[in-house]
Amino acid sequence: MTASTRTAERERGDEESLPAYLAPVPRALEDLGLRFAWLVVAINLAGTAFGFWYYSGQFAGTATALWPWVPDSPLATLFIALAIAAWKLGREQPWLTALAFFGNVVLGLWTPYTLLAFADSYASLPVWMYHFLFWSHLAMVVQAFVLHRISDFPVWAVGVAAVWYWSNLIVDYFVPIVGEPHHTIIPVERAKAMFLEADALGVIAAGEVTFVLLALFLALAIRVQKLERSRAANG
């Protein structure tokens, strides 16, 4: 059996597509991403390297013990690079794929949300950097929605991802453990009044909590849909 045949057999694409809200990426685009999986891995590793550079200043001001919770987006792109590479090598790790799904949905949505929420304050960013951050993070969401093709999202794996991203919420916004909250640095004071009487910290916290819950719902919904289709196929 050739390597390409083994890869095709490992892919868990359904004969019938999942509902559009769970698989919004056109099938042809999913196929393209899987066909050029190693290129996708390389792009995400490059993004990871850029992201760690981008967070270098924040690392310097954060206690070493809390470093794992600092580089949110770079970790998400690293997770998906490793998840796709593991699948290509015939060793798909459900927990890693679930982490990749959560990370790319959560951070892929949170960053554009934050750029829009503080658009006036981000006006000092070079235009090219603003658009790069905005559109590259939305692309993370797109690639997250291809992962259902390589994993069944078992509940235990979704639980691993949920625990990690809930711990991220805790140290970012609620119980920083060491020093101050460790969320990505924003261009305004945390206490600055925003819309609906919320302060800036509340605005970014509300966004991330919402996106973590969304990722949890989507991952479990994909699991349920796959189980239902498997049972129907097996009579």
C-alpha atoms as a PDB file:
ATOM      1  CA  MET A   1       0.000   0.000   0.000  1.00  0.00           C
ATOM      2  CA  THR A   2       1.432   3.387  -0.999  1.00  0.00           C
ATOM      3  CA  ALA A   3       1.791   6.350   1.345  1.00  0.00           C
ATOM      4  CA  SER A   4      -0.847   8.287  -0.621  1.00  0.00           C
ATOM      5  CA  THR A   5      -3.300   5.399  -0.290  1.00  0.00           C
ATOM      6  CA  ARG A   6      -2.725   5.192   3.453  1.00  0.00           C
ATOM      7  CA  THR A   7      -3.289   8.947   3.739  1.00  0.00           C
ATOM      8  CA  ALA A   8      -6.545   8.685   1.784  1.00  0.00           C
ATOM      9  CA  GLU A   9      -7.736   5.867   4.039  1.00  0.00           C
ATOM     10  CA  ARG A  10      -6.893   7.867   7.147  1.00  0.00           C
ATOM     11  CA  GLU A  11      -8.986  10.807   5.993  1.00  0.00           C
ATOM     12  CA  ARG A  12     -12.381  10.613   7.647  1.00  0.00           C
ATOM     13  CA  GLY A  13     -14.414  12.628   5.191  1.00  0.00           C
ATOM     14  CA  ASP A  14     -18.104  11.698   5.125  1.00  0.00           C
ATOM     15  CA  GLU A  15     -19.868  10.710   1.920  1.00  0.00           C
ATOM     16  CA  GLU A  16     -22.516  13.252   2.877  1.00  0.00           C
ATOM     17  CA  SER A  17     -21.285  16.646   3.927  1.00  0.00           C
ATOM     18  CA  LEU A  18     -21.794  17.890   7.450  1.00  0.00           C
ATOM     19  CA  PRO A  19     -24.317  20.725   7.929  1.00  0.00           C
ATOM     20  CA  ALA A  20     -23.058  24.022   6.550  1.00  0.00           C
ATOM     21  CA  TYR A  21     -22.652  25.573  10.006  1.00  0.00           C
ATOM     22  CA  LEU A  22     -20.172  22.812  10.883  1.00  0.00           C
ATOM     23  CA  ALA A  23     -18.442  22.602   7.505  1.00  0.00           C
ATOM     24  CA  PRO A  24     -18.735  26.056   5.894  1.00  0.00           C
ATOM     25  CA  VAL A  25     -15.576  25.664   3.789  1.00  0.00           C
ATOM     26  CA  PRO A  26     -16.337  24.472   0.232  1.00  0.00           C
ATOM     27  CA  ARG A  27     -15.413  20.837  -0.283  1.00  0.00           C
ATOM     28  CA  ALA A  28     -13.071  21.753  -3.130  1.00  0.00           C
ATOM     29  CA  LEU A  29     -11.129  24.077  -0.813  1.00  0.00           C
ATOM     30  CA  GLU A  30     -10.975  21.386   1.873  1.00  0.00           C
ATOM     31  CA  ASP A  31      -9.575  18.960  -0.713  1.00  0.00           C
ATOM     32  CA  LEU A  32      -7.003  21.525  -1.805  1.00  0.00           C
ATOM     33  CA  GLY A  33      -5.834  22.124   1.758  1.00  0.00           C
ATOM     34  CA  LEU A  34      -5.453  18.405   2.403  1.00  0.00           C
ATOM     35  CA  ARG A  35      -3.700  17.824  -0.910  1.00  0.00           C
ATOM     36  CA  PHE A  36      -1.111  20.462  -0.064  1.00  0.00           C
ATOM     37  CA  ALA A  37      -1.002  19.599   3.621  1.00  0.00           C
ATOM     38  CA  TRP A  38       2.765  19.967   3.954  1.00  0.00           C
ATOM     39  CA  LEU A  39       2.559  23.476   2.510  1.00  0.00           C
ATOM     40  CA  VAL A  40      -0.129  24.292   5.073  1.00  0.00           C
ATOM     41  CA  VAL A  41       2.178  22.933   7.782  1.00  0.00           C
ATOM     42  CA  ALA A  42       5.058  25.105   6.547  1.00  0.00           C
ATOM     43  CA  ILE A  43       2.887  28.248   6.414  1.00  0.00           C
ATOM     44  CA  ASN A  44       1.689  27.658   9.962  1.00  0.00           C
ATOM     45  CA  LEU A  45       5.210  27.082  11.231  1.00  0.00           C
ATOM     46  CA  ALA A  46       6.266  30.364   9.619  1.00  0.00           C
ATOM     47  CA  GLY A  47       3.305  32.049  11.306  1.00  0.00           C
ATOM     48  CA  THR A  48       4.331  30.484  14.601  1.00  0.00           C
ATOM     49  CA  ALA A  49       7.850  31.889  14.286  1.00  0.00           C
ATOM     50  CA  PHE A  50       6.462  35.353  13.474  1.00  0.00           C
ATOM     51  CA  GLY A  51       4.064  35.111  16.393  1.00  0.00           C
ATOM     52  CA  PHE A  52       6.770  34.257  18.910  1.00  0.00           C
ATOM     53  CA  TRP A  53       8.750  37.247  17.652  1.00  0.00           C
ATOM     54  CA  TYR A  54       5.622  39.422  17.978  1.00  0.00           C
ATOM     55  CA  TYR A  55       5.190  38.341  21.618  1.00  0.00           C
ATOM     56  CA  SER A  56       8.862  38.695  22.533  1.00  0.00           C
ATOM     57  CA  GLY A  57       8.291  41.915  24.465  1.00  0.00           C
ATOM     58  CA  GLN A  58       5.460  40.383  26.464  1.00  0.00           C
ATOM     59  CA  PHE A  59       7.596  37.366  27.369  1.00  0.00           C
ATOM     60  CA  ALA A  60      10.148  39.738  28.885  1.00  0.00           C
ATOM     61  CA  GLY A  61       7.534  41.200  31.227  1.00  0.00           C
ATOM     62  CA  THR A  62       5.928  37.907  32.272  1.00  0.00           C
ATOM     63  CA  ALA A  63       7.037  35.434  34.920  1.00  0.00           C
ATOM     64  CA  THR A  64       8.665  32.409  33.287  1.00  0.00           C
ATOM     65  CA  ALA A  65       6.139  30.027  34.858  1.00  0.00           C
ATOM     66  CA  LEU A  66       3.361  31.769  32.920  1.00  0.00           C
ATOM     67  CA  TRP A  67       5.064  31.772  29.521  1.00  0.00           C
ATOM     68  CA  PRO A  68       2.956  28.882  28.140  1.00  0.00           C
ATOM     69  CA  TRP A  69      -0.124  31.126  28.400  1.00  0.00           C
ATOM     70  CA  VAL A  70       1.408  34.140  26.625  1.00  0.00           C
ATOM     71  CA  PRO A  71       1.726  33.291  22.888  1.00  0.00           C
ATOM     72  CA  ASP A  72      -1.921  32.458  22.156  1.00  0.00           C
ATOM     73  CA  SER A  73      -1.984  32.713  18.364  1.00  0.00           C
ATOM     74  CA  PRO A  74       1.497  31.219  17.780  1.00  0.00           C
ATOM     75  CA  LEU A  75       0.524  28.199  19.873  1.00  0.00           C
ATOM     76  CA  ALA A  76      -2.673  27.793  17.853  1.00  0.00           C
ATOM     77  CA  THR A  77      -0.758  27.758  14.563  1.00  0.00           C
ATOM     78  CA  LEU A  78       1.814  25.393  16.082  1.00  0.00           C
ATOM     79  CA  PHE A  79      -0.982  23.060  17.205  1.00  0.00           C
ATOM     80  CA  ILE A  80      -2.473  22.884  13.726  1.00  0.00           C
ATOM     81  CA  ALA A  81       0.920  22.418  12.058  1.00  0.00           C
ATOM     82  CA  LEU A  82       1.672  19.493  14.379  1.00  0.00           C
ATOM     83  CA  ALA A  83      -1.839  18.051  14.056  1.00  0.00           C
ATOM     84  CA  ILE A  84      -1.748  18.022  10.247  1.00  0.00           C
ATOM     85  CA  ALA A  85       1.812  16.696  10.199  1.00  0.00           C
ATOM     86  CA  ALA A  86       0.840  13.866  12.568  1.00  0.00           C
ATOM     87  CA  TRP A  87      -2.105  12.985  10.309  1.00  0.00           C
ATOM     88  CA  LYS A  88       0.066  12.989   7.201  1.00  0.00           C
ATOM     89  CA  LEU A  89       2.458  10.614   8.956  1.00  0.00           C
ATOM     90  CA  GLY A  90      -0.396   8.262   9.818  1.00  0.00           C
ATOM     91  CA  ARG A  91      -0.383   9.116  13.523  1.00  0.00           C
ATOM     92  CA  GLU A  92      -3.270  11.530  13.968  1.00  0.00           C
ATOM     93  CA  GLN A  93      -3.573  12.565  17.611  1.00  0.00           C
ATOM     94  CA  PRO A  94      -7.196  13.478  18.495  1.00  0.00           C
ATOM     95  CA  TRP A  95      -6.169  15.633  21.464  1.00  0.00           C
ATOM     96  CA  LEU A  96      -3.752  17.606  19.293  1.00  0.00           C
ATOM     97  CA  THR A  97      -6.326  18.047  16.522  1.00  0.00           C
ATOM     98  CA  ALA A  98      -8.868  19.245  19.103  1.00  0.00           C
ATOM     99  CA  LEU A  99      -6.361  21.759  20.505  1.00  0.00           C
ATOM    100  CA  ALA A 100      -5.726  22.958  16.948  1.00  0.00           C
ATOM    101  CA  PHE A 101      -9.448  23.324  16.294  1.00  0.00           C
ATOM    102  CA  PHE A 102     -10.093  25.281  19.488  1.00  0.00           C
ATOM    103  CA  GLY A 103      -7.030  27.471  19.081  1.00  0.00           C
ATOM    104  CA  ASN A 104      -7.680  28.420  15.487  1.00  0.00           C
ATOM    105  CA  VAL A 105     -11.364  29.134  16.064  1.00  0.00           C
ATOM    106  CA  VAL A 106     -10.817  31.088  19.287  1.00  0.00           C
ATOM    107  CA  LEU A 107      -7.778  33.144  18.295  1.00  0.00           C
ATOM    108  CA  GLY A 108      -8.799  33.339  14.653  1.00  0.00           C
ATOM    109  CA  LEU A 109     -11.958  35.172  15.745  1.00  0.00           C
ATOM    110  CA  TRP A 110     -10.684  36.987  18.837  1.00  0.00           C
ATOM    111  CA  THR A 111      -7.929  38.932  17.077  1.00  0.00           C
ATOM    112  CA  PRO A 112     -10.148  40.480  14.351  1.00  0.00           C
ATOM    113  CA  TYR A 113     -12.775  41.138  17.045  1.00  0.00           C
ATOM    114  CA  THR A 114     -10.189  43.004  19.121  1.00  0.00           C
ATOM    115  CA  LEU A 115      -8.825  44.909  16.127  1.00  0.00           C
ATOM    116  CA  LEU A 116     -12.357  46.123  15.376  1.00  0.00           C
ATOM    117  CA  ALA A 117     -13.268  46.838  19.018  1.00  0.00           C
ATOM    118  CA  PHE A 118     -10.192  49.071  19.415  1.00  0.00           C
ATOM    119  CA  ALA A 119      -9.968  50.260  15.816  1.00  0.00           C
ATOM    120  CA  ASP A 120      -9.281  53.879  16.795  1.00  0.00           C
ATOM    121  CA  SER A 121      -6.430  52.877  19.087  1.00  0.00           C
ATOM    122  CA  TYR A 122      -4.927  50.550  16.492  1.00  0.00           C
ATOM    123  CA  ALA A 123      -4.814  53.400  13.959  1.00  0.00           C
ATOM    124  CA  SER A 124      -1.112  53.820  14.768  1.00  0.00           C
ATOM    125  CA  LEU A 125      -0.368  50.349  13.363  1.00  0.00           C
ATOM    126  CA  PRO A 126       0.989  50.319   9.809  1.00  0.00           C
ATOM    127  CA  VAL A 127      -1.896  49.585   7.459  1.00  0.00           C
ATOM    128  CA  TRP A 128      -0.181  46.488   6.107  1.00  0.00           C
ATOM    129  CA  MET A 129       0.286  45.082   9.646  1.00  0.00           C
ATOM    130  CA  TYR A 130      -3.342  45.745  10.570  1.00  0.00           C
ATOM    131  CA  HIS A 131      -4.606  43.924   7.476  1.00  0.00           C
ATOM    132  CA  PHE A 132      -2.066  41.139   7.864  1.00  0.00           C
ATOM    133  CA  LEU A 133      -3.184  40.475  11.431  1.00  0.00           C
ATOM    134  CA  PHE A 134      -6.862  40.751  10.536  1.00  0.00           C
ATOM    135  CA  TRP A 135      -6.956  38.483   7.479  1.00  0.00           C
ATOM    136  CA  SER A 136      -4.320  35.974   8.566  1.00  0.00           C
ATOM    137  CA  HIS A 137      -6.296  35.292  11.724  1.00  0.00           C
ATOM    138  CA  LEU A 138      -9.531  34.836   9.810  1.00  0.00           C
ATOM    139  CA  ALA A 139      -7.630  32.327   7.652  1.00  0.00           C
ATOM    140  CA  MET A 140      -6.960  30.408  10.868  1.00  0.00           C
ATOM    141  CA  VAL A 141     -10.705  29.920  11.275  1.00  0.00           C
ATOM    142  CA  VAL A 142     -10.970  28.627   7.717  1.00  0.00           C
ATOM    143  CA  GLN A 143      -8.299  25.989   8.265  1.00  0.00           C
ATOM    144  CA  ALA A 144      -9.880  24.966  11.572  1.00  0.00           C
ATOM    145  CA  PHE A 145     -13.035  23.988   9.685  1.00  0.00           C
ATOM    146  CA  VAL A 146     -11.063  21.500   7.587  1.00  0.00           C
ATOM    147  CA  LEU A 147      -9.992  19.447  10.604  1.00  0.00           C
ATOM    148  CA  HIS A 148     -13.232  17.463  10.688  1.00  0.00           C
ATOM    149  CA  ARG A 149     -11.827  15.673   7.648  1.00  0.00           C
ATOM    150  CA  ILE A 150      -8.995  14.128   9.689  1.00  0.00           C
ATOM    151  CA  SER A 151     -10.536  13.582  13.141  1.00  0.00           C
ATOM    152  CA  ASP A 152     -13.763  12.387  14.767  1.00  0.00           C
ATOM    153  CA  PHE A 153     -13.262  14.723  17.769  1.00  0.00           C
ATOM    154  CA  PRO A 154     -13.755  12.157  20.565  1.00  0.00           C
ATOM    155  CA  VAL A 155     -15.198  13.703  23.693  1.00  0.00           C
ATOM    156  CA  TRP A 156     -12.067  13.078  25.779  1.00  0.00           C
ATOM    157  CA  ALA A 157      -9.951  14.973  23.207  1.00  0.00           C
ATOM    158  CA  VAL A 158     -12.418  17.861  23.169  1.00  0.00           C
ATOM    159  CA  GLY A 159     -12.166  17.834  26.964  1.00  0.00           C
ATOM    160  CA  VAL A 160      -8.375  18.232  26.783  1.00  0.00           C
ATOM    161  CA  ALA A 161      -8.750  21.253  24.505  1.00  0.00           C
ATOM    162  CA  ALA A 162     -11.516  22.751  26.640  1.00  0.00           C
ATOM    163  CA  VAL A 163      -9.441  22.442  29.827  1.00  0.00           C
ATOM    164  CA  TRP A 164      -6.437  24.102  28.180  1.00  0.00           C
ATOM    165  CA  TYR A 165      -8.389  27.026  26.754  1.00  0.00           C
ATOM    166  CA  TRP A 166     -10.394  27.501  29.932  1.00  0.00           C
ATOM    167  CA  SER A 167      -7.116  27.642  31.855  1.00  0.00           C
ATOM    168  CA  ASN A 168      -6.016  30.266  29.343  1.00  0.00           C
ATOM    169  CA  LEU A 169      -9.156  32.291  30.107  1.00  0.00           C
ATOM    170  CA  ILE A 170      -8.493  32.051  33.833  1.00  0.00           C
ATOM    171  CA  VAL A 171      -4.912  33.360  33.742  1.00  0.00           C
ATOM    172  CA  ASP A 172      -5.705  35.927  31.031  1.00  0.00           C
ATOM    173  CA  TYR A 173      -8.678  37.583  32.721  1.00  0.00           C
ATOM    174  CA  PHE A 174      -9.793  36.181  36.055  1.00  0.00           C
ATOM    175  CA  VAL A 175      -7.050  34.669  38.263  1.00  0.00           C
ATOM    176  CA  PRO A 176      -3.640  35.688  36.863  1.00  0.00           C
ATOM    177  CA  ILE A 177      -1.812  33.535  39.504  1.00  0.00           C
ATOM    178  CA  VAL A 178       1.460  35.470  39.137  1.00  0.00           C
ATOM    179  CA  GLY A 179       1.384  39.246  38.666  1.00  0.00           C
ATOM    180  CA  GLU A 180      -1.258  40.806  36.440  1.00  0.00           C
ATOM    181  CA  PRO A 181      -3.609  39.243  33.845  1.00  0.00           C
ATOM    182  CA  HIS A 182      -1.636  37.698  30.982  1.00  0.00           C
ATOM    183  CA  HIS A 183      -3.877  38.472  28.019  1.00  0.00           C
ATOM    184  CA  THR A 184      -2.428  39.770  24.777  1.00  0.00           C
ATOM    185  CA  ILE A 185      -1.454  43.404  25.276  1.00  0.00           C
ATOM    186  CA  ILE A 186      -4.131  45.805  24.040  1.00  0.00           C
ATOM    187  CA  PRO A 187      -3.585  49.456  23.049  1.00  0.00           C
ATOM    188  CA  VAL A 188      -5.750  50.978  25.821  1.00  0.00           C
ATOM    189  CA  GLU A 189      -5.910  50.869  29.610  1.00  0.00           C
ATOM    190  CA  ARG A 190      -7.815  47.857  30.943  1.00  0.00           C
ATOM    191  CA  ALA A 191     -10.184  50.112  32.889  1.00  0.00           C
ATOM    192  CA  LYS A 192     -11.066  52.335  29.917  1.00  0.00           C
ATOM    193  CA  ALA A 193     -14.846  52.632  29.530  1.00  0.00           C
ATOM    194  CA  MET A 194     -16.144  51.000  26.368  1.00  0.00           C
ATOM    195  CA  PHE A 195     -19.599  50.265  24.993  1.00  0.00           C
ATOM    196  CA  LEU A 196     -22.481  48.925  27.130  1.00  0.00           C
ATOM    197  CA  GLU A 197     -20.690  50.240  30.247  1.00  0.00           C
ATOM    198  CA  ALA A 198     -18.012  47.543  29.992  1.00  0.00           C
ATOM    199  CA  ASP A 199     -14.339  48.316  30.517  1.00  0.00           C
ATOM    200  CA  ALA A 200     -11.717  47.302  27.969  1.00  0.00           C
ATOM    201  CA  LEU A 201     -10.737  44.168  29.893  1.00  0.00           C
ATOM    202  CA  GLY A 202     -14.375  43.099  30.048  1.00  0.00           C
ATOM    203  CA  VAL A 203     -14.770  43.595  26.301  1.00  0.00           C
ATOM    204  CA  ILE A 204     -11.853  41.360  25.348  1.00  0.00           C
ATOM    205  CA  ALA A 205     -12.732  38.810  28.039  1.00  0.00           C
ATOM    206  CA  ALA A 206     -16.323  38.590  26.796  1.00  0.00           C
ATOM    207  CA  GLY A 207     -15.072  37.977  23.272  1.00  0.00           C
ATOM    208  CA  GLU A 208     -12.720  35.172  24.247  1.00  0.00           C
ATOM    209  CA  VAL A 209     -15.219  33.461  26.559  1.00  0.00           C
ATOM    210  CA  THR A 210     -17.763  33.537  23.727  1.00  0.00           C
ATOM    211  CA  PHE A 211     -15.327  32.059  21.214  1.00  0.00           C
ATOM    212  CA  VAL A 212     -14.179  29.279  23.576  1.00  0.00           C
ATOM    213  CA  LEU A 213     -17.820  28.291  24.126  1.00  0.00           C
ATOM    214  CA  LEU A 214     -18.382  28.438  20.368  1.00  0.00           C
ATOM    215  CA  ALA A 215     -15.412  26.143  19.713  1.00  0.00           C
ATOM    216  CA  LEU A 216     -16.684  23.709  22.355  1.00  0.00           C
ATOM    217  CA  PHE A 217     -20.147  23.653  20.798  1.00  0.00           C
ATOM    218  CA  LEU A 218     -18.816  23.170  17.275  1.00  0.00           C
ATOM    219  CA  ALA A 219     -16.420  20.379  18.234  1.00  0.00           C
ATOM    220  CA  LEU A 220     -19.106  18.444  20.112  1.00  0.00           C
ATOM    221  CA  ALA A 221     -21.657  19.053  17.354  1.00  0.00           C
ATOM    222  CA  ILE A 222     -19.208  17.638  14.802  1.00  0.00           C
ATOM    223  CA  ARG A 223     -18.754  14.604  17.057  1.00  0.00           C
ATOM    224  CA  VAL A 224     -22.502  14.055  17.309  1.00  0.00           C
ATOM    225  CA  GLN A 225     -23.012  14.416  13.559  1.00  0.00           C
ATOM    226  CA  LYS A 226     -20.236  11.926  12.809  1.00  0.00           C
ATOM    227  CA  LEU A 227     -21.662   9.385  15.261  1.00  0.00           C
ATOM    228  CA  GLU A 228     -25.156   9.736  13.812  1.00  0.00           C
ATOM    229  CA  ARG A 229     -23.873   9.259  10.258  1.00  0.00           C
ATOM    230  CA  SER A 230     -21.772   6.273  11.290  1.00  0.00           C
ATOM    231  CA  ARG A 231     -24.764   4.599  12.934  1.00  0.00           C
ATOM    232  CA  ALA A 232     -26.968   5.307   9.930  1.00  0.00           C
ATOM    233  CA  ALA A 233     -24.332   3.862   7.570  1.00  0.00           C
ATOM    234  CA  ASN A 234     -24.038   0.721   9.677  1.00  0.00           C
ATOM    235  CA  GLY A 235     -27.777   0.158   9.659  1.00  0.00           C
END
